[in-house]
């Protein structure tokens, strides 16, 4: 069997974790899941057993505690492989598990075939390169690139087992003490169905007023490019890109963004891309489904005005 760490948001398994369950099933073995703190319905995703770790100390995220629980459960079940979503949290837990166990870790995978050795396809260089690799390990540790694998339902009868892990003080030394909401208090980039982003072409910090206006009308999250955060116009939490947030909205509206490889690695999960740019030869145009060539300072307010008119 294989074991999958499942992250949750508001009582539901996160999309990256559901994508991970889909890939884990391709390993050809029964799938077990680890959930920390609470139960989530996994009956549509091919999970034979959901193991729920309950401990009053797990009220906040503690990466070493999660790694200890995952490692202990994998050992008890004699798991053939351990999977997690390649999110910030998933990568952190799996890196700590690799360090504790001495097992090999492969990250950003999009395909896997059982071995030995296990054969993997990994995203490299922001998704511009696919790497075929072989992982020699008695228990491969694998993280799955977010939004690179489609969620495929697989109805199953999922049994639930609750257990109380034995955690040491060292396991709980590093933990989340407080959650601070983003200054905008708006929609999360990772969960938004629509994202409106601005790049260097916006011109200034004040220039983002029209981006925020359009995002507000669309119920969208506001994003930006790395050049914008480097200029101090927006916080790093708004950055879309390989070193920022990877997003997968229904539509991504990129305003004044050239489309560097680093940025496109962050928005490649978008179902549709609308590019607004004065440069018709900008690299982003090669990836855009729709393009408006012109001055964004005229086009974006015009779109907002039309939306208001239609309402």
C-alpha atoms as a PDB file:
ATOM      1  CA  UNK A   1       0.000   0.000   0.000  1.00  0.00           C
ATOM      2  CA  UNK A   2       0.959   3.663  -0.361  1.00  0.00           C
ATOM      3  CA  UNK A   3       0.382   6.451   2.153  1.00  0.00           C
ATOM      4  CA  UNK A   4      -0.719   9.988   1.234  1.00  0.00           C
ATOM      5  CA  UNK A   5      -0.577  13.036   3.496  1.00  0.00           C
ATOM      6  CA  UNK A   6      -3.834  14.947   2.924  1.00  0.00           C
ATOM      7  CA  UNK A   7      -4.011  18.647   3.724  1.00  0.00           C
ATOM      8  CA  UNK A   8      -7.350  20.249   4.538  1.00  0.00           C
ATOM      9  CA  UNK A   9      -9.016  23.634   4.182  1.00  0.00           C
ATOM     10  CA  UNK A  10     -12.299  24.374   5.925  1.00  0.00           C
ATOM     11  CA  UNK A  11     -12.931  20.701   6.570  1.00  0.00           C
ATOM     12  CA  UNK A  12     -12.307  19.587   2.988  1.00  0.00           C
ATOM     13  CA  UNK A  13      -9.268  18.018   1.358  1.00  0.00           C
ATOM     14  CA  UNK A  14      -7.313  20.607  -0.632  1.00  0.00           C
ATOM     15  CA  UNK A  15      -7.230  20.354  -4.415  1.00  0.00           C
ATOM     16  CA  UNK A  16      -3.450  19.672  -4.477  1.00  0.00           C
ATOM     17  CA  UNK A  17      -4.022  16.772  -2.069  1.00  0.00           C
ATOM     18  CA  UNK A  18      -6.821  15.378  -4.253  1.00  0.00           C
ATOM     19  CA  UNK A  19      -4.464  15.641  -7.238  1.00  0.00           C
ATOM     20  CA  UNK A  20      -1.879  13.744  -5.186  1.00  0.00           C
ATOM     21  CA  UNK A  21      -4.382  10.977  -4.417  1.00  0.00           C
ATOM     22  CA  UNK A  22      -5.036  10.618  -8.162  1.00  0.00           C
ATOM     23  CA  UNK A  23      -1.323  10.216  -8.908  1.00  0.00           C
ATOM     24  CA  UNK A  24      -0.777   7.890  -5.954  1.00  0.00           C
ATOM     25  CA  UNK A  25      -3.410   5.501  -7.321  1.00  0.00           C
ATOM     26  CA  UNK A  26      -1.292   5.071 -10.458  1.00  0.00           C
ATOM     27  CA  UNK A  27       1.244   3.293  -8.216  1.00  0.00           C
ATOM     28  CA  UNK A  28      -1.073   0.283  -8.452  1.00  0.00           C
ATOM     29  CA  UNK A  29      -1.395  -0.342  -4.711  1.00  0.00           C
ATOM     30  CA  UNK A  30      -4.155   0.333  -2.129  1.00  0.00           C
ATOM     31  CA  UNK A  31      -4.136   3.972  -1.022  1.00  0.00           C
ATOM     32  CA  UNK A  32      -4.226   5.000   2.634  1.00  0.00           C
ATOM     33  CA  UNK A  33      -4.473   8.622   3.742  1.00  0.00           C
ATOM     34  CA  UNK A  34      -3.218  10.509   6.783  1.00  0.00           C
ATOM     35  CA  UNK A  35      -5.317  13.429   7.995  1.00  0.00           C
ATOM     36  CA  UNK A  36      -4.169  15.511  10.946  1.00  0.00           C
ATOM     37  CA  UNK A  37      -6.726  16.779  13.429  1.00  0.00           C
ATOM     38  CA  UNK A  38     -10.030  16.156  11.632  1.00  0.00           C
ATOM     39  CA  UNK A  39     -11.822  13.868   9.204  1.00  0.00           C
ATOM     40  CA  UNK A  40     -12.487  14.775   5.553  1.00  0.00           C
ATOM     41  CA  UNK A  41     -14.641  12.822   3.112  1.00  0.00           C
ATOM     42  CA  UNK A  42     -12.322  10.905   0.785  1.00  0.00           C
ATOM     43  CA  UNK A  43     -14.847   8.313  -0.417  1.00  0.00           C
ATOM     44  CA  UNK A  44     -14.739   9.651  -3.998  1.00  0.00           C
ATOM     45  CA  UNK A  45     -10.971   9.447  -4.329  1.00  0.00           C
ATOM     46  CA  UNK A  46     -10.004   5.781  -4.100  1.00  0.00           C
ATOM     47  CA  UNK A  47      -8.905   5.810  -0.450  1.00  0.00           C
ATOM     48  CA  UNK A  48      -9.179   2.451   1.296  1.00  0.00           C
ATOM     49  CA  UNK A  49      -8.413   3.756   4.781  1.00  0.00           C
ATOM     50  CA  UNK A  50      -8.249   7.237   6.281  1.00  0.00           C
ATOM     51  CA  UNK A  51      -6.039   7.475   9.378  1.00  0.00           C
ATOM     52  CA  UNK A  52      -6.924  10.492  11.511  1.00  0.00           C
ATOM     53  CA  UNK A  53      -4.267  11.695  13.965  1.00  0.00           C
ATOM     54  CA  UNK A  54      -5.857  13.328  17.015  1.00  0.00           C
ATOM     55  CA  UNK A  55      -3.864  15.119  19.695  1.00  0.00           C
ATOM     56  CA  UNK A  56      -4.651  18.359  21.529  1.00  0.00           C
ATOM     57  CA  UNK A  57      -1.156  19.565  20.661  1.00  0.00           C
ATOM     58  CA  UNK A  58      -2.053  19.455  16.947  1.00  0.00           C
ATOM     59  CA  UNK A  59      -4.325  22.481  17.082  1.00  0.00           C
ATOM     60  CA  UNK A  60      -1.736  24.374  15.035  1.00  0.00           C
ATOM     61  CA  UNK A  61       0.640  23.257  12.302  1.00  0.00           C
ATOM     62  CA  UNK A  62       3.866  21.765  13.631  1.00  0.00           C
ATOM     63  CA  UNK A  63       6.029  20.431  10.765  1.00  0.00           C
ATOM     64  CA  UNK A  64       8.202  18.101  12.859  1.00  0.00           C
ATOM     65  CA  UNK A  65       5.123  16.645  14.554  1.00  0.00           C
ATOM     66  CA  UNK A  66       3.493  16.006  11.181  1.00  0.00           C
ATOM     67  CA  UNK A  67       6.723  14.413   9.894  1.00  0.00           C
ATOM     68  CA  UNK A  68       6.946  12.215  13.001  1.00  0.00           C
ATOM     69  CA  UNK A  69       3.325  11.074  12.623  1.00  0.00           C
ATOM     70  CA  UNK A  70       3.736  10.406   8.896  1.00  0.00           C
ATOM     71  CA  UNK A  71       6.926   8.427   9.442  1.00  0.00           C
ATOM     72  CA  UNK A  72       5.475   6.428  12.329  1.00  0.00           C
ATOM     73  CA  UNK A  73       2.336   5.546  10.352  1.00  0.00           C
ATOM     74  CA  UNK A  74       4.321   4.629   7.230  1.00  0.00           C
ATOM     75  CA  UNK A  75       6.482   2.296   9.328  1.00  0.00           C
ATOM     76  CA  UNK A  76       3.483   0.704  11.051  1.00  0.00           C
ATOM     77  CA  UNK A  77       1.708   0.112   7.737  1.00  0.00           C
ATOM     78  CA  UNK A  78       4.918  -0.881   5.937  1.00  0.00           C
ATOM     79  CA  UNK A  79       4.046   1.623   3.207  1.00  0.00           C
ATOM     80  CA  UNK A  80       5.632   1.043  -0.183  1.00  0.00           C
ATOM     81  CA  UNK A  81       5.808   4.818  -0.799  1.00  0.00           C
ATOM     82  CA  UNK A  82       4.737   8.072   0.851  1.00  0.00           C
ATOM     83  CA  UNK A  83       3.150  10.918  -1.116  1.00  0.00           C
ATOM     84  CA  UNK A  84       2.251  14.525  -0.324  1.00  0.00           C
ATOM     85  CA  UNK A  85       1.191  17.558  -2.318  1.00  0.00           C
ATOM     86  CA  UNK A  86       4.085  19.787  -3.376  1.00  0.00           C
ATOM     87  CA  UNK A  87       2.699  22.752  -1.448  1.00  0.00           C
ATOM     88  CA  UNK A  88       4.776  24.799   0.975  1.00  0.00           C
ATOM     89  CA  UNK A  89       3.402  22.721   3.840  1.00  0.00           C
ATOM     90  CA  UNK A  90       3.690  19.386   2.044  1.00  0.00           C
ATOM     91  CA  UNK A  91       7.265  20.017   0.931  1.00  0.00           C
ATOM     92  CA  UNK A  92       8.285  21.111   4.422  1.00  0.00           C
ATOM     93  CA  UNK A  93       6.842  18.026   6.101  1.00  0.00           C
ATOM     94  CA  UNK A  94       8.335  15.657   3.523  1.00  0.00           C
ATOM     95  CA  UNK A  95      11.767  17.305   3.719  1.00  0.00           C
ATOM     96  CA  UNK A  96      11.751  16.835   7.477  1.00  0.00           C
ATOM     97  CA  UNK A  97      10.605  13.229   7.098  1.00  0.00           C
ATOM     98  CA  UNK A  98      13.451  12.603   4.644  1.00  0.00           C
ATOM     99  CA  UNK A  99      15.958  14.095   7.090  1.00  0.00           C
ATOM    100  CA  UNK A 100      14.608  12.050  10.008  1.00  0.00           C
ATOM    101  CA  UNK A 101      14.435   8.757   8.115  1.00  0.00           C
ATOM    102  CA  UNK A 102      17.375   9.046   5.726  1.00  0.00           C
ATOM    103  CA  UNK A 103      15.057   8.166   2.824  1.00  0.00           C
ATOM    104  CA  UNK A 104      15.281   9.740  -0.641  1.00  0.00           C
ATOM    105  CA  UNK A 105      12.798  12.499  -1.568  1.00  0.00           C
ATOM    106  CA  UNK A 106      11.692  13.414  -5.101  1.00  0.00           C
ATOM    107  CA  UNK A 107       9.754  16.673  -5.484  1.00  0.00           C
ATOM    108  CA  UNK A 108       7.542  18.257  -8.178  1.00  0.00           C
ATOM    109  CA  UNK A 109       6.511  14.931  -9.727  1.00  0.00           C
ATOM    110  CA  UNK A 110       3.739  14.661 -12.324  1.00  0.00           C
ATOM    111  CA  UNK A 111       3.931  10.946 -13.148  1.00  0.00           C
ATOM    112  CA  UNK A 112       5.135   7.851 -11.327  1.00  0.00           C
ATOM    113  CA  UNK A 113       5.510   4.142 -12.076  1.00  0.00           C
ATOM    114  CA  UNK A 114       6.314   1.492  -9.450  1.00  0.00           C
ATOM    115  CA  UNK A 115       9.636  -0.266  -9.469  1.00  0.00           C
ATOM    116  CA  UNK A 116      12.063  -1.050  -8.204  1.00  0.00           C
ATOM    117  CA  UNK A 117      13.408   1.387  -8.989  1.00  0.00           C
ATOM    118  CA  UNK A 118      10.492   3.811  -9.077  1.00  0.00           C
ATOM    119  CA  UNK A 119      10.355   5.795 -12.326  1.00  0.00           C
ATOM    120  CA  UNK A 120       9.387   9.457 -12.035  1.00  0.00           C
ATOM    121  CA  UNK A 121       8.620  12.416 -14.269  1.00  0.00           C
ATOM    122  CA  UNK A 122       9.462  15.704 -12.571  1.00  0.00           C
ATOM    123  CA  UNK A 123       8.956  19.360 -13.420  1.00  0.00           C
ATOM    124  CA  UNK A 124      12.231  21.303 -13.534  1.00  0.00           C
ATOM    125  CA  UNK A 125      13.138  24.897 -14.329  1.00  0.00           C
ATOM    126  CA  UNK A 126       9.689  26.200 -13.528  1.00  0.00           C
ATOM    127  CA  UNK A 127       7.989  23.570 -15.674  1.00  0.00           C
ATOM    128  CA  UNK A 128       9.970  24.362 -18.829  1.00  0.00           C
ATOM    129  CA  UNK A 129      11.812  21.030 -18.568  1.00  0.00           C
ATOM    130  CA  UNK A 130      10.567  17.503 -17.832  1.00  0.00           C
ATOM    131  CA  UNK A 131      13.021  15.189 -16.107  1.00  0.00           C
ATOM    132  CA  UNK A 132      12.772  11.409 -16.266  1.00  0.00           C
ATOM    133  CA  UNK A 133      14.355   9.954 -13.145  1.00  0.00           C
ATOM    134  CA  UNK A 134      14.708   6.709 -11.214  1.00  0.00           C
ATOM    135  CA  UNK A 135      14.437   6.719  -7.454  1.00  0.00           C
ATOM    136  CA  UNK A 136      16.297   3.943  -5.653  1.00  0.00           C
ATOM    137  CA  UNK A 137      14.793   3.715  -2.175  1.00  0.00           C
ATOM    138  CA  UNK A 138      13.144   1.097   0.057  1.00  0.00           C
ATOM    139  CA  UNK A 139      10.345   3.636   0.662  1.00  0.00           C
ATOM    140  CA  UNK A 140      10.233   6.480  -1.896  1.00  0.00           C
ATOM    141  CA  UNK A 141       9.086   9.875  -0.626  1.00  0.00           C
ATOM    142  CA  UNK A 142       7.317  11.798  -3.390  1.00  0.00           C
ATOM    143  CA  UNK A 143       5.682  15.233  -3.635  1.00  0.00           C
ATOM    144  CA  UNK A 144       3.344  16.048  -6.512  1.00  0.00           C
ATOM    145  CA  UNK A 145       3.532  19.351  -8.405  1.00  0.00           C
ATOM    146  CA  UNK A 146       0.340  21.323  -7.610  1.00  0.00           C
ATOM    147  CA  UNK A 147      -2.179  21.781 -10.435  1.00  0.00           C
ATOM    148  CA  UNK A 148      -0.212  19.545 -12.815  1.00  0.00           C
ATOM    149  CA  UNK A 149      -2.351  16.409 -12.378  1.00  0.00           C
ATOM    150  CA  UNK A 150      -6.095  16.391 -13.052  1.00  0.00           C
ATOM    151  CA  UNK A 151      -8.332  15.183 -10.220  1.00  0.00           C
ATOM    152  CA  UNK A 152      -9.961  11.909 -11.268  1.00  0.00           C
ATOM    153  CA  UNK A 153     -12.777  10.649  -8.996  1.00  0.00           C
ATOM    154  CA  UNK A 154     -12.670   7.008  -7.927  1.00  0.00           C
ATOM    155  CA  UNK A 155     -15.582   6.068  -5.641  1.00  0.00           C
ATOM    156  CA  UNK A 156     -14.575   3.739  -2.827  1.00  0.00           C
ATOM    157  CA  UNK A 157     -15.647   2.530   0.583  1.00  0.00           C
ATOM    158  CA  UNK A 158     -13.299   4.457   2.865  1.00  0.00           C
ATOM    159  CA  UNK A 159     -12.820   3.160   6.380  1.00  0.00           C
ATOM    160  CA  UNK A 160     -11.761   5.605   9.109  1.00  0.00           C
ATOM    161  CA  UNK A 161      -9.268   4.887  11.880  1.00  0.00           C
ATOM    162  CA  UNK A 162      -8.568   7.451  14.584  1.00  0.00           C
ATOM    163  CA  UNK A 163      -5.386   7.284  16.637  1.00  0.00           C
ATOM    164  CA  UNK A 164      -3.442   9.408  19.116  1.00  0.00           C
ATOM    165  CA  UNK A 165       0.229   9.822  18.159  1.00  0.00           C
ATOM    166  CA  UNK A 166       2.889   9.973  20.836  1.00  0.00           C
ATOM    167  CA  UNK A 167       4.703  13.272  20.312  1.00  0.00           C
ATOM    168  CA  UNK A 168       7.785  14.583  22.079  1.00  0.00           C
ATOM    169  CA  UNK A 169       8.474  18.160  23.125  1.00  0.00           C
ATOM    170  CA  UNK A 170      11.053  18.386  20.334  1.00  0.00           C
ATOM    171  CA  UNK A 171       8.377  17.493  17.776  1.00  0.00           C
ATOM    172  CA  UNK A 172       6.351  20.509  18.900  1.00  0.00           C
ATOM    173  CA  UNK A 173       9.221  22.965  19.211  1.00  0.00           C
ATOM    174  CA  UNK A 174       8.466  24.594  15.836  1.00  0.00           C
ATOM    175  CA  UNK A 175       4.780  25.379  15.355  1.00  0.00           C
ATOM    176  CA  UNK A 176       2.463  28.050  14.008  1.00  0.00           C
ATOM    177  CA  UNK A 177       1.720  30.518  16.811  1.00  0.00           C
ATOM    178  CA  UNK A 178      -0.578  32.927  14.976  1.00  0.00           C
ATOM    179  CA  UNK A 179      -2.318  33.475  11.648  1.00  0.00           C
ATOM    180  CA  UNK A 180      -2.202  37.055  10.374  1.00  0.00           C
ATOM    181  CA  UNK A 181      -4.644  37.923   7.601  1.00  0.00           C
ATOM    182  CA  UNK A 182      -3.312  39.660   4.502  1.00  0.00           C
ATOM    183  CA  UNK A 183      -3.674  43.425   4.587  1.00  0.00           C
ATOM    184  CA  UNK A 184      -6.210  43.328   1.783  1.00  0.00           C
ATOM    185  CA  UNK A 185      -8.292  40.791   3.672  1.00  0.00           C
ATOM    186  CA  UNK A 186      -9.462  39.501   0.307  1.00  0.00           C
ATOM    187  CA  UNK A 187      -9.557  36.191  -1.497  1.00  0.00           C
ATOM    188  CA  UNK A 188      -6.598  33.832  -1.281  1.00  0.00           C
ATOM    189  CA  UNK A 189      -4.520  33.585  -4.448  1.00  0.00           C
ATOM    190  CA  UNK A 190      -4.342  29.818  -4.145  1.00  0.00           C
ATOM    191  CA  UNK A 191      -8.131  29.413  -3.970  1.00  0.00           C
ATOM    192  CA  UNK A 192      -9.334  32.248  -6.223  1.00  0.00           C
ATOM    193  CA  UNK A 193     -11.360  31.381  -9.327  1.00  0.00           C
ATOM    194  CA  UNK A 194     -10.330  34.691 -10.895  1.00  0.00           C
ATOM    195  CA  UNK A 195      -6.984  36.473 -10.426  1.00  0.00           C
ATOM    196  CA  UNK A 196      -6.162  39.966 -11.703  1.00  0.00           C
ATOM    197  CA  UNK A 197      -2.421  40.666 -11.688  1.00  0.00           C
ATOM    198  CA  UNK A 198      -0.318  43.691 -12.450  1.00  0.00           C
ATOM    199  CA  UNK A 199       3.273  43.907 -13.605  1.00  0.00           C
ATOM    200  CA  UNK A 200       5.881  46.573 -14.176  1.00  0.00           C
ATOM    201  CA  UNK A 201       3.588  48.095 -16.812  1.00  0.00           C
ATOM    202  CA  UNK A 202       1.208  49.299 -14.074  1.00  0.00           C
ATOM    203  CA  UNK A 203       3.800  51.975 -13.420  1.00  0.00           C
ATOM    204  CA  UNK A 204       3.580  52.556  -9.668  1.00  0.00           C
ATOM    205  CA  UNK A 205       2.130  51.467  -6.347  1.00  0.00           C
ATOM    206  CA  UNK A 206      -0.741  53.901  -6.867  1.00  0.00           C
ATOM    207  CA  UNK A 207      -1.347  52.435 -10.326  1.00  0.00           C
ATOM    208  CA  UNK A 208      -2.690  49.253  -8.709  1.00  0.00           C
ATOM    209  CA  UNK A 209      -5.897  51.115  -7.796  1.00  0.00           C
ATOM    210  CA  UNK A 210      -7.404  50.174 -11.182  1.00  0.00           C
ATOM    211  CA  UNK A 211      -6.255  46.547 -10.750  1.00  0.00           C
ATOM    212  CA  UNK A 212      -7.915  46.399  -7.333  1.00  0.00           C
ATOM    213  CA  UNK A 213     -11.063  48.000  -8.716  1.00  0.00           C
ATOM    214  CA  UNK A 214     -11.411  45.372 -11.453  1.00  0.00           C
ATOM    215  CA  UNK A 215     -10.634  42.560  -9.006  1.00  0.00           C
ATOM    216  CA  UNK A 216     -13.324  43.844  -6.658  1.00  0.00           C
ATOM    217  CA  UNK A 217     -15.936  43.853  -9.411  1.00  0.00           C
ATOM    218  CA  UNK A 218     -15.017  40.297 -10.412  1.00  0.00           C
ATOM    219  CA  UNK A 219     -14.693  38.916  -6.889  1.00  0.00           C
ATOM    220  CA  UNK A 220     -11.088  38.180  -7.747  1.00  0.00           C
ATOM    221  CA  UNK A 221      -7.772  38.029  -5.921  1.00  0.00           C
ATOM    222  CA  UNK A 222      -5.041  40.567  -6.735  1.00  0.00           C
ATOM    223  CA  UNK A 223      -1.654  39.268  -7.819  1.00  0.00           C
ATOM    224  CA  UNK A 224       1.546  40.731  -9.203  1.00  0.00           C
ATOM    225  CA  UNK A 225       4.886  39.896 -10.805  1.00  0.00           C
ATOM    226  CA  UNK A 226       8.261  39.644  -9.086  1.00  0.00           C
ATOM    227  CA  UNK A 227       9.324  43.015 -10.516  1.00  0.00           C
ATOM    228  CA  UNK A 228       6.447  44.625  -8.643  1.00  0.00           C
ATOM    229  CA  UNK A 229       7.402  43.122  -5.282  1.00  0.00           C
ATOM    230  CA  UNK A 230      11.056  44.027  -5.898  1.00  0.00           C
ATOM    231  CA  UNK A 231       9.964  47.628  -6.450  1.00  0.00           C
ATOM    232  CA  UNK A 232       8.043  47.569  -3.171  1.00  0.00           C
ATOM    233  CA  UNK A 233       4.668  48.241  -4.795  1.00  0.00           C
ATOM    234  CA  UNK A 234       3.014  45.068  -3.453  1.00  0.00           C
ATOM    235  CA  UNK A 235       3.891  42.534  -0.702  1.00  0.00           C
ATOM    236  CA  UNK A 236       5.571  39.230  -1.556  1.00  0.00           C
ATOM    237  CA  UNK A 237       2.352  37.400  -0.585  1.00  0.00           C
ATOM    238  CA  UNK A 238       0.786  38.805  -3.789  1.00  0.00           C
ATOM    239  CA  UNK A 239       3.527  37.498  -6.076  1.00  0.00           C
ATOM    240  CA  UNK A 240       2.561  34.917  -8.679  1.00  0.00           C
ATOM    241  CA  UNK A 241       5.511  32.854  -9.883  1.00  0.00           C
ATOM    242  CA  UNK A 242       8.005  30.111  -9.251  1.00  0.00           C
ATOM    243  CA  UNK A 243       9.274  31.853  -6.109  1.00  0.00           C
ATOM    244  CA  UNK A 244       5.839  33.223  -5.268  1.00  0.00           C
ATOM    245  CA  UNK A 245       2.417  31.588  -5.298  1.00  0.00           C
ATOM    246  CA  UNK A 246       1.373  28.982  -7.862  1.00  0.00           C
ATOM    247  CA  UNK A 247      -2.224  29.530  -8.891  1.00  0.00           C
ATOM    248  CA  UNK A 248      -4.905  27.667 -10.859  1.00  0.00           C
ATOM    249  CA  UNK A 249      -7.870  30.032 -11.413  1.00  0.00           C
ATOM    250  CA  UNK A 250     -10.555  29.664 -14.064  1.00  0.00           C
ATOM    251  CA  UNK A 251      -9.207  32.856 -15.633  1.00  0.00           C
ATOM    252  CA  UNK A 252      -6.004  34.817 -15.079  1.00  0.00           C
ATOM    253  CA  UNK A 253      -6.000  38.470 -16.157  1.00  0.00           C
ATOM    254  CA  UNK A 254      -2.399  39.652 -16.544  1.00  0.00           C
ATOM    255  CA  UNK A 255      -2.034  43.427 -16.897  1.00  0.00           C
ATOM    256  CA  UNK A 256       1.305  44.862 -17.959  1.00  0.00           C
ATOM    257  CA  UNK A 257       3.150  41.575 -17.336  1.00  0.00           C
ATOM    258  CA  UNK A 258       5.763  40.538 -19.897  1.00  0.00           C
ATOM    259  CA  UNK A 259       5.558  36.827 -19.085  1.00  0.00           C
ATOM    260  CA  UNK A 260       9.024  35.770 -17.932  1.00  0.00           C
ATOM    261  CA  UNK A 261       9.523  32.020 -17.432  1.00  0.00           C
ATOM    262  CA  UNK A 262       9.519  32.452 -13.651  1.00  0.00           C
ATOM    263  CA  UNK A 263       6.126  34.129 -13.729  1.00  0.00           C
ATOM    264  CA  UNK A 264       4.566  31.694 -16.182  1.00  0.00           C
ATOM    265  CA  UNK A 265       5.605  28.807 -13.922  1.00  0.00           C
ATOM    266  CA  UNK A 266       3.270  30.252 -11.315  1.00  0.00           C
ATOM    267  CA  UNK A 267       0.207  30.701 -13.521  1.00  0.00           C
ATOM    268  CA  UNK A 268       0.482  27.689 -15.844  1.00  0.00           C
ATOM    269  CA  UNK A 269      -2.370  26.054 -13.918  1.00  0.00           C
ATOM    270  CA  UNK A 270      -4.822  28.744 -15.078  1.00  0.00           C
ATOM    271  CA  UNK A 271      -7.570  27.402 -17.345  1.00  0.00           C
ATOM    272  CA  UNK A 272      -7.605  30.621 -19.403  1.00  0.00           C
ATOM    273  CA  UNK A 273      -5.214  33.599 -19.604  1.00  0.00           C
ATOM    274  CA  UNK A 274      -6.212  37.105 -20.700  1.00  0.00           C
ATOM    275  CA  UNK A 275      -3.177  39.313 -21.347  1.00  0.00           C
ATOM    276  CA  UNK A 276      -3.429  43.109 -21.467  1.00  0.00           C
ATOM    277  CA  UNK A 277      -0.182  44.582 -22.702  1.00  0.00           C
ATOM    278  CA  UNK A 278       1.060  47.453 -24.855  1.00  0.00           C
ATOM    279  CA  UNK A 279       3.640  45.101 -26.397  1.00  0.00           C
ATOM    280  CA  UNK A 280       2.048  42.660 -28.812  1.00  0.00           C
ATOM    281  CA  UNK A 281       5.341  40.714 -28.925  1.00  0.00           C
ATOM    282  CA  UNK A 282       5.572  40.167 -25.153  1.00  0.00           C
ATOM    283  CA  UNK A 283       6.365  36.516 -24.263  1.00  0.00           C
ATOM    284  CA  UNK A 284       3.076  36.144 -22.366  1.00  0.00           C
ATOM    285  CA  UNK A 285       1.203  36.446 -25.669  1.00  0.00           C
ATOM    286  CA  UNK A 286       2.439  32.960 -26.625  1.00  0.00           C
ATOM    287  CA  UNK A 287       0.556  31.503 -23.645  1.00  0.00           C
ATOM    288  CA  UNK A 288      -2.488  33.802 -23.655  1.00  0.00           C
ATOM    289  CA  UNK A 289      -5.892  32.529 -24.747  1.00  0.00           C
ATOM    290  CA  UNK A 290      -7.063  36.122 -25.209  1.00  0.00           C
ATOM    291  CA  UNK A 291      -5.017  39.276 -25.721  1.00  0.00           C
ATOM    292  CA  UNK A 292      -5.791  42.983 -25.657  1.00  0.00           C
ATOM    293  CA  UNK A 293      -2.957  45.108 -27.037  1.00  0.00           C
ATOM    294  CA  UNK A 294      -2.937  48.632 -25.736  1.00  0.00           C
ATOM    295  CA  UNK A 295      -2.499  50.910 -22.714  1.00  0.00           C
ATOM    296  CA  UNK A 296      -3.711  49.048 -19.628  1.00  0.00           C
ATOM    297  CA  UNK A 297      -4.418  52.384 -17.913  1.00  0.00           C
ATOM    298  CA  UNK A 298      -7.166  52.905 -20.479  1.00  0.00           C
ATOM    299  CA  UNK A 299      -8.256  49.301 -21.040  1.00  0.00           C
ATOM    300  CA  UNK A 300      -8.646  48.165 -17.418  1.00  0.00           C
ATOM    301  CA  UNK A 301     -10.877  51.109 -16.362  1.00  0.00           C
ATOM    302  CA  UNK A 302     -12.906  50.596 -19.566  1.00  0.00           C
ATOM    303  CA  UNK A 303     -13.507  46.942 -18.612  1.00  0.00           C
ATOM    304  CA  UNK A 304     -14.569  47.994 -15.115  1.00  0.00           C
ATOM    305  CA  UNK A 305     -16.935  50.618 -16.529  1.00  0.00           C
ATOM    306  CA  UNK A 306     -18.520  48.053 -18.873  1.00  0.00           C
ATOM    307  CA  UNK A 307     -19.022  45.618 -15.991  1.00  0.00           C
ATOM    308  CA  UNK A 308     -20.779  48.318 -13.987  1.00  0.00           C
ATOM    309  CA  UNK A 309     -22.959  49.189 -16.974  1.00  0.00           C
ATOM    310  CA  UNK A 310     -24.024  45.568 -17.434  1.00  0.00           C
ATOM    311  CA  UNK A 311     -24.993  45.318 -13.789  1.00  0.00           C
END
